[in-house]
Amino acid sequence: MLRSETMKRGTLVLPAERAELFVEVLGKEAFLEIIDMNSTSMQRQYRRQLQRIDELERQLRRMGELLDEAIPETPPPANVAAFLEHSHRFRLEDVEREVQSSYNQLMKFQDNNEALKAQEQRAIEERFVAFVASTAPA
């Protein structure tokens, strides 16, 4: 398929009990874009899971931003194809727990870093005040 080829839209109706499998296979093997026809509707069967995934994406984006600030020379992302080969090993609950734990730890690190910076600034100011007081004429 070439980028210059005209895109066509179609509707695929899948049995609910096997829809996840079909979408996964099509997403991995076919050159097509899957559009959620219920994206604007709040009557979604998997709304709670989608909200969890949105929250995970937000946390991962924030962690990426913080890491990019701390380490400007971050390595490129891992090979997506290699990840997809082993995607059957991952469960949302496990990934969610690990991301949440890493996110909380990173937020604590950031808070501690801010507290240490403030403490360092106070120490510098105290040292300067002590220096000025010791050199001032009596």
N, C-alpha and C. Protein backbone atom coordinates (compact mmCIF):
# COMPACT_ATOMS: atom_id res chain seq x y z
N MET A 1 0.85 -1.18 0.00
CA MET A 1 0.00 0.00 0.00
C MET A 1 0.89 1.24 0.00
N LEU A 2 0.57 2.15 -0.83
CA LEU A 2 1.34 3.38 -0.94
C LEU A 2 0.56 4.53 -0.32
N ARG A 3 1.28 5.53 0.15
CA ARG A 3 0.62 6.68 0.75
C ARG A 3 -0.27 7.42 -0.24
N SER A 4 0.06 7.33 -1.52
CA SER A 4 -0.71 8.07 -2.52
C SER A 4 -2.02 7.37 -2.88
N GLU A 5 -2.19 6.13 -2.46
CA GLU A 5 -3.43 5.43 -2.77
C GLU A 5 -4.59 6.05 -2.02
N THR A 6 -5.74 6.05 -2.65
CA THR A 6 -6.94 6.62 -2.04
C THR A 6 -7.40 5.73 -0.90
N MET A 7 -7.69 6.35 0.21
CA MET A 7 -8.18 5.61 1.38
C MET A 7 -9.66 5.33 1.20
N LYS A 8 -10.11 4.21 1.70
CA LYS A 8 -11.52 3.84 1.63
C LYS A 8 -12.01 3.54 3.03
N ARG A 9 -13.25 3.87 3.26
CA ARG A 9 -13.84 3.63 4.57
C ARG A 9 -14.83 2.48 4.46
N GLY A 10 -14.83 1.63 5.46
CA GLY A 10 -15.76 0.51 5.49
C GLY A 10 -16.19 0.25 6.92
N THR A 11 -17.15 -0.57 7.07
CA THR A 11 -17.65 -0.93 8.39
C THR A 11 -17.41 -2.41 8.61
N LEU A 12 -16.88 -2.74 9.75
CA LEU A 12 -16.61 -4.13 10.10
C LEU A 12 -17.42 -4.44 11.35
N VAL A 13 -18.31 -5.38 11.24
CA VAL A 13 -19.14 -5.77 12.38
C VAL A 13 -18.58 -7.09 12.89
N LEU A 14 -18.23 -7.11 14.16
CA LEU A 14 -17.60 -8.29 14.76
C LEU A 14 -18.46 -8.83 15.89
N PRO A 15 -18.41 -10.12 16.11
CA PRO A 15 -19.12 -10.66 17.27
C PRO A 15 -18.45 -10.16 18.55
N ALA A 16 -19.23 -9.71 19.50
CA ALA A 16 -18.69 -9.08 20.72
C ALA A 16 -17.73 -9.99 21.46
N GLU A 17 -18.02 -11.29 21.49
CA GLU A 17 -17.18 -12.21 22.27
C GLU A 17 -15.79 -12.41 21.66
N ARG A 18 -15.62 -12.11 20.37
CA ARG A 18 -14.31 -12.30 19.74
C ARG A 18 -13.76 -11.01 19.16
N ALA A 19 -14.40 -9.89 19.42
CA ALA A 19 -14.00 -8.61 18.84
C ALA A 19 -12.58 -8.24 19.21
N GLU A 20 -12.21 -8.45 20.46
CA GLU A 20 -10.86 -8.09 20.92
C GLU A 20 -9.80 -8.83 20.11
N LEU A 21 -10.01 -10.11 19.88
CA LEU A 21 -9.06 -10.91 19.10
C LEU A 21 -8.95 -10.39 17.67
N PHE A 22 -10.11 -10.13 17.03
CA PHE A 22 -10.10 -9.64 15.65
C PHE A 22 -9.39 -8.29 15.54
N VAL A 23 -9.67 -7.39 16.44
CA VAL A 23 -9.06 -6.06 16.39
C VAL A 23 -7.55 -6.18 16.61
N GLU A 24 -7.14 -7.05 17.53
CA GLU A 24 -5.71 -7.24 17.78
C GLU A 24 -5.01 -7.78 16.54
N VAL A 25 -5.57 -8.80 15.90
CA VAL A 25 -4.96 -9.38 14.71
C VAL A 25 -4.93 -8.37 13.57
N LEU A 26 -6.03 -7.67 13.36
CA LEU A 26 -6.06 -6.66 12.29
C LEU A 26 -5.07 -5.54 12.56
N GLY A 27 -4.97 -5.12 13.81
CA GLY A 27 -4.04 -4.05 14.16
C GLY A 27 -2.59 -4.43 13.93
N LYS A 28 -2.27 -5.71 14.12
CA LYS A 28 -0.89 -6.17 13.94
C LYS A 28 -0.56 -6.51 12.49
N GLU A 29 -1.52 -7.10 11.79
CA GLU A 29 -1.22 -7.69 10.49
C GLU A 29 -1.66 -6.88 9.28
N ALA A 30 -2.62 -6.00 9.43
CA ALA A 30 -3.20 -5.32 8.27
C ALA A 30 -2.79 -3.86 8.22
N PHE A 31 -2.83 -3.30 7.02
CA PHE A 31 -2.57 -1.88 6.84
C PHE A 31 -3.89 -1.14 6.86
N LEU A 32 -4.40 -0.93 8.05
CA LEU A 32 -5.65 -0.22 8.17
C LEU A 32 -5.67 0.57 9.47
N GLU A 33 -6.50 1.55 9.47
CA GLU A 33 -6.68 2.39 10.66
C GLU A 33 -8.04 2.05 11.24
N ILE A 34 -8.06 1.77 12.52
CA ILE A 34 -9.31 1.43 13.19
C ILE A 34 -9.83 2.68 13.87
N ILE A 35 -11.04 3.07 13.54
CA ILE A 35 -11.67 4.26 14.11
C ILE A 35 -12.82 3.81 15.00
N ASP A 36 -12.84 4.29 16.20
CA ASP A 36 -13.90 3.96 17.14
C ASP A 36 -15.13 4.80 16.81
N MET A 37 -16.18 4.16 16.38
CA MET A 37 -17.39 4.88 16.00
C MET A 37 -18.14 5.43 17.22
N ASN A 38 -17.79 4.96 18.40
CA ASN A 38 -18.46 5.42 19.62
C ASN A 38 -17.59 6.38 20.42
N SER A 39 -16.59 6.98 19.78
CA SER A 39 -15.64 7.82 20.52
C SER A 39 -16.30 9.04 21.15
N THR A 40 -17.39 9.54 20.57
CA THR A 40 -18.05 10.72 21.14
C THR A 40 -19.19 10.34 22.07
N SER A 41 -19.58 9.11 22.05
CA SER A 41 -20.69 8.65 22.88
C SER A 41 -20.18 8.21 24.24
N MET A 42 -20.94 8.48 25.27
CA MET A 42 -20.56 8.03 26.61
C MET A 42 -21.13 6.64 26.89
N GLN A 43 -21.79 6.03 25.91
CA GLN A 43 -22.34 4.69 26.08
C GLN A 43 -21.38 3.67 25.47
N ARG A 44 -20.24 3.56 26.09
CA ARG A 44 -19.22 2.66 25.57
C ARG A 44 -19.10 1.47 26.50
N GLN A 45 -18.99 0.32 25.91
CA GLN A 45 -18.93 -0.90 26.69
C GLN A 45 -17.67 -0.96 27.56
N TYR A 46 -16.57 -0.44 27.05
CA TYR A 46 -15.28 -0.54 27.77
C TYR A 46 -14.81 0.83 28.25
N ARG A 47 -15.73 1.71 28.62
CA ARG A 47 -15.38 3.07 29.01
C ARG A 47 -14.41 3.10 30.20
N ARG A 48 -14.67 2.30 31.21
CA ARG A 48 -13.80 2.30 32.39
C ARG A 48 -12.37 1.89 32.03
N GLN A 49 -12.22 0.85 31.19
CA GLN A 49 -10.88 0.42 30.78
C GLN A 49 -10.18 1.50 29.95
N LEU A 50 -10.95 2.17 29.08
CA LEU A 50 -10.37 3.24 28.28
C LEU A 50 -9.91 4.40 29.15
N GLN A 51 -10.66 4.72 30.20
CA GLN A 51 -10.25 5.77 31.12
C GLN A 51 -8.97 5.38 31.84
N ARG A 52 -8.85 4.12 32.21
CA ARG A 52 -7.63 3.64 32.86
C ARG A 52 -6.44 3.78 31.92
N ILE A 53 -6.64 3.40 30.65
CA ILE A 53 -5.56 3.51 29.67
C ILE A 53 -5.19 4.97 29.42
N ASP A 54 -6.20 5.85 29.35
CA ASP A 54 -5.93 7.29 29.20
C ASP A 54 -5.10 7.80 30.36
N GLU A 55 -5.42 7.37 31.58
CA GLU A 55 -4.65 7.79 32.75
C GLU A 55 -3.22 7.27 32.68
N LEU A 56 -3.04 6.02 32.24
CA LEU A 56 -1.69 5.47 32.07
C LEU A 56 -0.91 6.27 31.04
N GLU A 57 -1.56 6.62 29.93
CA GLU A 57 -0.88 7.42 28.91
C GLU A 57 -0.46 8.77 29.46
N ARG A 58 -1.33 9.41 30.26
CA ARG A 58 -1.00 10.70 30.86
C ARG A 58 0.21 10.57 31.78
N GLN A 59 0.21 9.52 32.61
CA GLN A 59 1.32 9.32 33.53
C GLN A 59 2.62 9.04 32.77
N LEU A 60 2.56 8.22 31.75
CA LEU A 60 3.76 7.91 30.97
C LEU A 60 4.28 9.14 30.24
N ARG A 61 3.36 9.97 29.70
CA ARG A 61 3.79 11.22 29.04
C ARG A 61 4.50 12.12 30.04
N ARG A 62 3.92 12.27 31.24
CA ARG A 62 4.51 13.13 32.27
C ARG A 62 5.88 12.61 32.69
N MET A 63 5.98 11.29 32.87
CA MET A 63 7.26 10.70 33.25
C MET A 63 8.29 10.93 32.13
N GLY A 64 7.86 10.80 30.88
CA GLY A 64 8.77 11.05 29.76
C GLY A 64 9.25 12.49 29.74
N GLU A 65 8.34 13.43 30.00
CA GLU A 65 8.72 14.85 30.04
C GLU A 65 9.75 15.11 31.14
N LEU A 66 9.49 14.56 32.33
CA LEU A 66 10.42 14.76 33.45
C LEU A 66 11.78 14.13 33.16
N LEU A 67 11.77 12.95 32.56
CA LEU A 67 13.04 12.30 32.24
C LEU A 67 13.78 13.05 31.14
N ASP A 68 13.05 13.60 30.17
CA ASP A 68 13.70 14.39 29.11
C ASP A 68 14.35 15.65 29.70
N GLU A 69 13.70 16.25 30.71
CA GLU A 69 14.29 17.42 31.37
C GLU A 69 15.55 17.03 32.13
N ALA A 70 15.49 15.90 32.82
CA ALA A 70 16.62 15.48 33.66
C ALA A 70 17.75 14.91 32.82
N ILE A 71 17.42 14.17 31.78
CA ILE A 71 18.41 13.50 30.94
C ILE A 71 18.10 13.86 29.48
N PRO A 72 18.67 14.96 28.99
CA PRO A 72 18.34 15.39 27.62
C PRO A 72 18.68 14.36 26.54
N GLU A 73 19.66 13.52 26.76
CA GLU A 73 20.09 12.55 25.76
C GLU A 73 19.43 11.20 26.02
N THR A 74 18.10 11.14 26.03
CA THR A 74 17.42 9.87 26.29
C THR A 74 17.54 8.96 25.08
N PRO A 75 17.63 7.65 25.33
CA PRO A 75 17.74 6.71 24.21
C PRO A 75 16.44 6.65 23.41
N PRO A 76 16.51 6.21 22.17
CA PRO A 76 15.29 6.10 21.36
C PRO A 76 14.36 5.05 21.94
N PRO A 77 13.05 5.14 21.62
CA PRO A 77 12.12 4.14 22.14
C PRO A 77 12.46 2.75 21.64
N ALA A 78 12.00 1.76 22.39
CA ALA A 78 12.27 0.37 22.05
C ALA A 78 11.55 -0.03 20.76
N ASN A 79 11.92 -1.15 20.23
CA ASN A 79 11.35 -1.67 19.00
C ASN A 79 9.91 -2.11 19.25
N VAL A 80 8.96 -1.45 18.59
CA VAL A 80 7.54 -1.74 18.80
C VAL A 80 7.20 -3.14 18.31
N ALA A 81 7.76 -3.57 17.20
CA ALA A 81 7.46 -4.90 16.67
C ALA A 81 7.86 -5.99 17.66
N ALA A 82 9.03 -5.82 18.29
CA ALA A 82 9.47 -6.80 19.28
C ALA A 82 8.53 -6.82 20.48
N PHE A 83 8.04 -5.65 20.86
CA PHE A 83 7.08 -5.58 21.96
C PHE A 83 5.80 -6.31 21.60
N LEU A 84 5.29 -6.07 20.39
CA LEU A 84 4.03 -6.69 19.98
C LEU A 84 4.13 -8.21 19.89
N GLU A 85 5.32 -8.72 19.61
CA GLU A 85 5.49 -10.18 19.57
C GLU A 85 5.21 -10.80 20.93
N HIS A 86 5.47 -10.05 21.99
CA HIS A 86 5.30 -10.58 23.34
C HIS A 86 4.12 -9.94 24.07
N SER A 87 3.26 -9.27 23.33
CA SER A 87 2.16 -8.54 23.97
C SER A 87 1.20 -9.45 24.72
N HIS A 88 1.13 -10.71 24.35
CA HIS A 88 0.23 -11.64 25.03
C HIS A 88 0.65 -11.87 26.49
N ARG A 89 1.87 -11.54 26.84
CA ARG A 89 2.36 -11.74 28.21
C ARG A 89 1.90 -10.64 29.17
N PHE A 90 1.44 -9.53 28.64
CA PHE A 90 1.10 -8.39 29.47
C PHE A 90 -0.38 -8.35 29.80
N ARG A 91 -0.66 -8.01 31.05
CA ARG A 91 -2.04 -7.79 31.48
C ARG A 91 -2.15 -6.33 31.91
N LEU A 92 -3.28 -5.71 31.60
CA LEU A 92 -3.48 -4.29 31.91
C LEU A 92 -3.27 -4.02 33.39
N GLU A 93 -3.76 -4.89 34.24
CA GLU A 93 -3.65 -4.68 35.69
C GLU A 93 -2.19 -4.64 36.13
N ASP A 94 -1.36 -5.55 35.58
CA ASP A 94 0.06 -5.58 35.95
C ASP A 94 0.79 -4.35 35.44
N VAL A 95 0.53 -3.99 34.18
CA VAL A 95 1.17 -2.80 33.61
C VAL A 95 0.74 -1.55 34.37
N GLU A 96 -0.55 -1.48 34.67
CA GLU A 96 -1.09 -0.34 35.41
C GLU A 96 -0.42 -0.21 36.78
N ARG A 97 -0.27 -1.33 37.47
CA ARG A 97 0.36 -1.32 38.80
C ARG A 97 1.82 -0.85 38.71
N GLU A 98 2.55 -1.35 37.72
CA GLU A 98 3.96 -0.97 37.58
C GLU A 98 4.11 0.51 37.20
N VAL A 99 3.27 0.97 36.27
CA VAL A 99 3.34 2.38 35.87
C VAL A 99 2.98 3.27 37.04
N GLN A 100 1.92 2.91 37.78
CA GLN A 100 1.50 3.70 38.94
C GLN A 100 2.61 3.76 39.98
N SER A 101 3.25 2.63 40.23
CA SER A 101 4.34 2.60 41.21
C SER A 101 5.51 3.49 40.75
N SER A 102 5.89 3.37 39.49
CA SER A 102 6.99 4.19 38.96
C SER A 102 6.62 5.67 38.96
N TYR A 103 5.39 5.97 38.60
CA TYR A 103 4.92 7.36 38.57
C TYR A 103 4.95 7.95 39.98
N ASN A 104 4.42 7.22 40.95
CA ASN A 104 4.43 7.71 42.34
C ASN A 104 5.85 7.92 42.84
N GLN A 105 6.72 6.99 42.52
CA GLN A 105 8.12 7.11 42.94
C GLN A 105 8.77 8.33 42.29
N LEU A 106 8.52 8.56 41.02
CA LEU A 106 9.09 9.71 40.33
C LEU A 106 8.55 11.02 40.90
N MET A 107 7.26 11.05 41.24
CA MET A 107 6.68 12.25 41.84
C MET A 107 7.30 12.53 43.22
N LYS A 108 7.56 11.47 43.99
CA LYS A 108 8.23 11.64 45.29
C LYS A 108 9.64 12.17 45.09
N PHE A 109 10.35 11.63 44.09
CA PHE A 109 11.69 12.11 43.77
C PHE A 109 11.65 13.59 43.43
N GLN A 110 10.67 13.98 42.63
CA GLN A 110 10.56 15.38 42.22
C GLN A 110 10.27 16.27 43.43
N ASP A 111 9.37 15.85 44.31
CA ASP A 111 9.06 16.61 45.52
C ASP A 111 10.30 16.73 46.41
N ASN A 112 11.01 15.61 46.58
CA ASN A 112 12.24 15.63 47.40
C ASN A 112 13.29 16.55 46.78
N ASN A 113 13.40 16.53 45.46
CA ASN A 113 14.36 17.38 44.79
C ASN A 113 14.04 18.86 45.02
N GLU A 114 12.75 19.21 44.92
CA GLU A 114 12.34 20.59 45.17
C GLU A 114 12.64 20.99 46.62
N ALA A 115 12.37 20.09 47.56
CA ALA A 115 12.65 20.38 48.98
C ALA A 115 14.15 20.55 49.21
N LEU A 116 14.97 19.72 48.57
CA LEU A 116 16.42 19.84 48.72
C LEU A 116 16.94 21.14 48.11
N LYS A 117 16.37 21.54 46.97
CA LYS A 117 16.77 22.81 46.37
C LYS A 117 16.43 23.98 47.29
N ALA A 118 15.25 23.96 47.88
CA ALA A 118 14.85 25.03 48.79
C ALA A 118 15.76 25.04 50.01
N GLN A 119 16.07 23.87 50.54
CA GLN A 119 16.96 23.77 51.70
C GLN A 119 18.36 24.28 51.35
N GLU A 120 18.85 23.95 50.17
CA GLU A 120 20.16 24.43 49.73
C GLU A 120 20.15 25.95 49.61
N GLN A 121 19.08 26.51 49.06
CA GLN A 121 18.98 27.96 48.91
C GLN A 121 18.99 28.65 50.27
N ARG A 122 18.26 28.08 51.25
CA ARG A 122 18.26 28.66 52.60
C ARG A 122 19.65 28.60 53.23
N ALA A 123 20.36 27.48 53.01
CA ALA A 123 21.71 27.34 53.56
C ALA A 123 22.65 28.37 52.93
N ILE A 124 22.54 28.61 51.65
CA ILE A 124 23.38 29.61 50.98
C ILE A 124 23.09 30.99 51.54
N GLU A 125 21.80 31.30 51.72
CA GLU A 125 21.43 32.60 52.28
C GLU A 125 21.96 32.76 53.71
N GLU A 126 21.84 31.71 54.52
CA GLU A 126 22.35 31.78 55.90
C GLU A 126 23.86 31.98 55.92
N ARG A 127 24.56 31.27 55.04
CA ARG A 127 26.02 31.41 54.97
C ARG A 127 26.39 32.84 54.57
N PHE A 128 25.65 33.40 53.61
CA PHE A 128 25.92 34.76 53.17
C PHE A 128 25.67 35.75 54.31
N VAL A 129 24.56 35.57 55.04
CA VAL A 129 24.26 36.44 56.18
C VAL A 129 25.35 36.33 57.24
N ALA A 130 25.80 35.10 57.53
CA ALA A 130 26.87 34.89 58.51
C ALA A 130 28.17 35.56 58.04
N PHE A 131 28.47 35.46 56.76
CA PHE A 131 29.67 36.07 56.22
C PHE A 131 29.60 37.59 56.35
N VAL A 132 28.46 38.17 55.97
CA VAL A 132 28.31 39.62 56.05
C VAL A 132 28.39 40.07 57.51
N ALA A 133 27.77 39.30 58.40
CA ALA A 133 27.80 39.67 59.83
C ALA A 133 29.22 39.59 60.38
N SER A 134 30.00 38.61 59.93
CA SER A 134 31.37 38.46 60.45
C SER A 134 32.32 39.49 59.89
N THR A 135 32.04 40.05 58.74
CA THR A 135 32.95 41.04 58.13
C THR A 135 32.51 42.46 58.37
N ALA A 136 31.34 42.65 58.95
CA ALA A 136 30.85 44.01 59.21
C ALA A 136 31.66 44.63 60.35
N PRO A 137 31.94 45.96 60.23
CA PRO A 137 32.67 46.63 61.30
C PRO A 137 31.82 46.66 62.59
N ALA A 138 32.48 46.53 63.68
CA ALA A 138 31.77 46.49 64.96
C ALA A 138 31.42 47.82 65.50
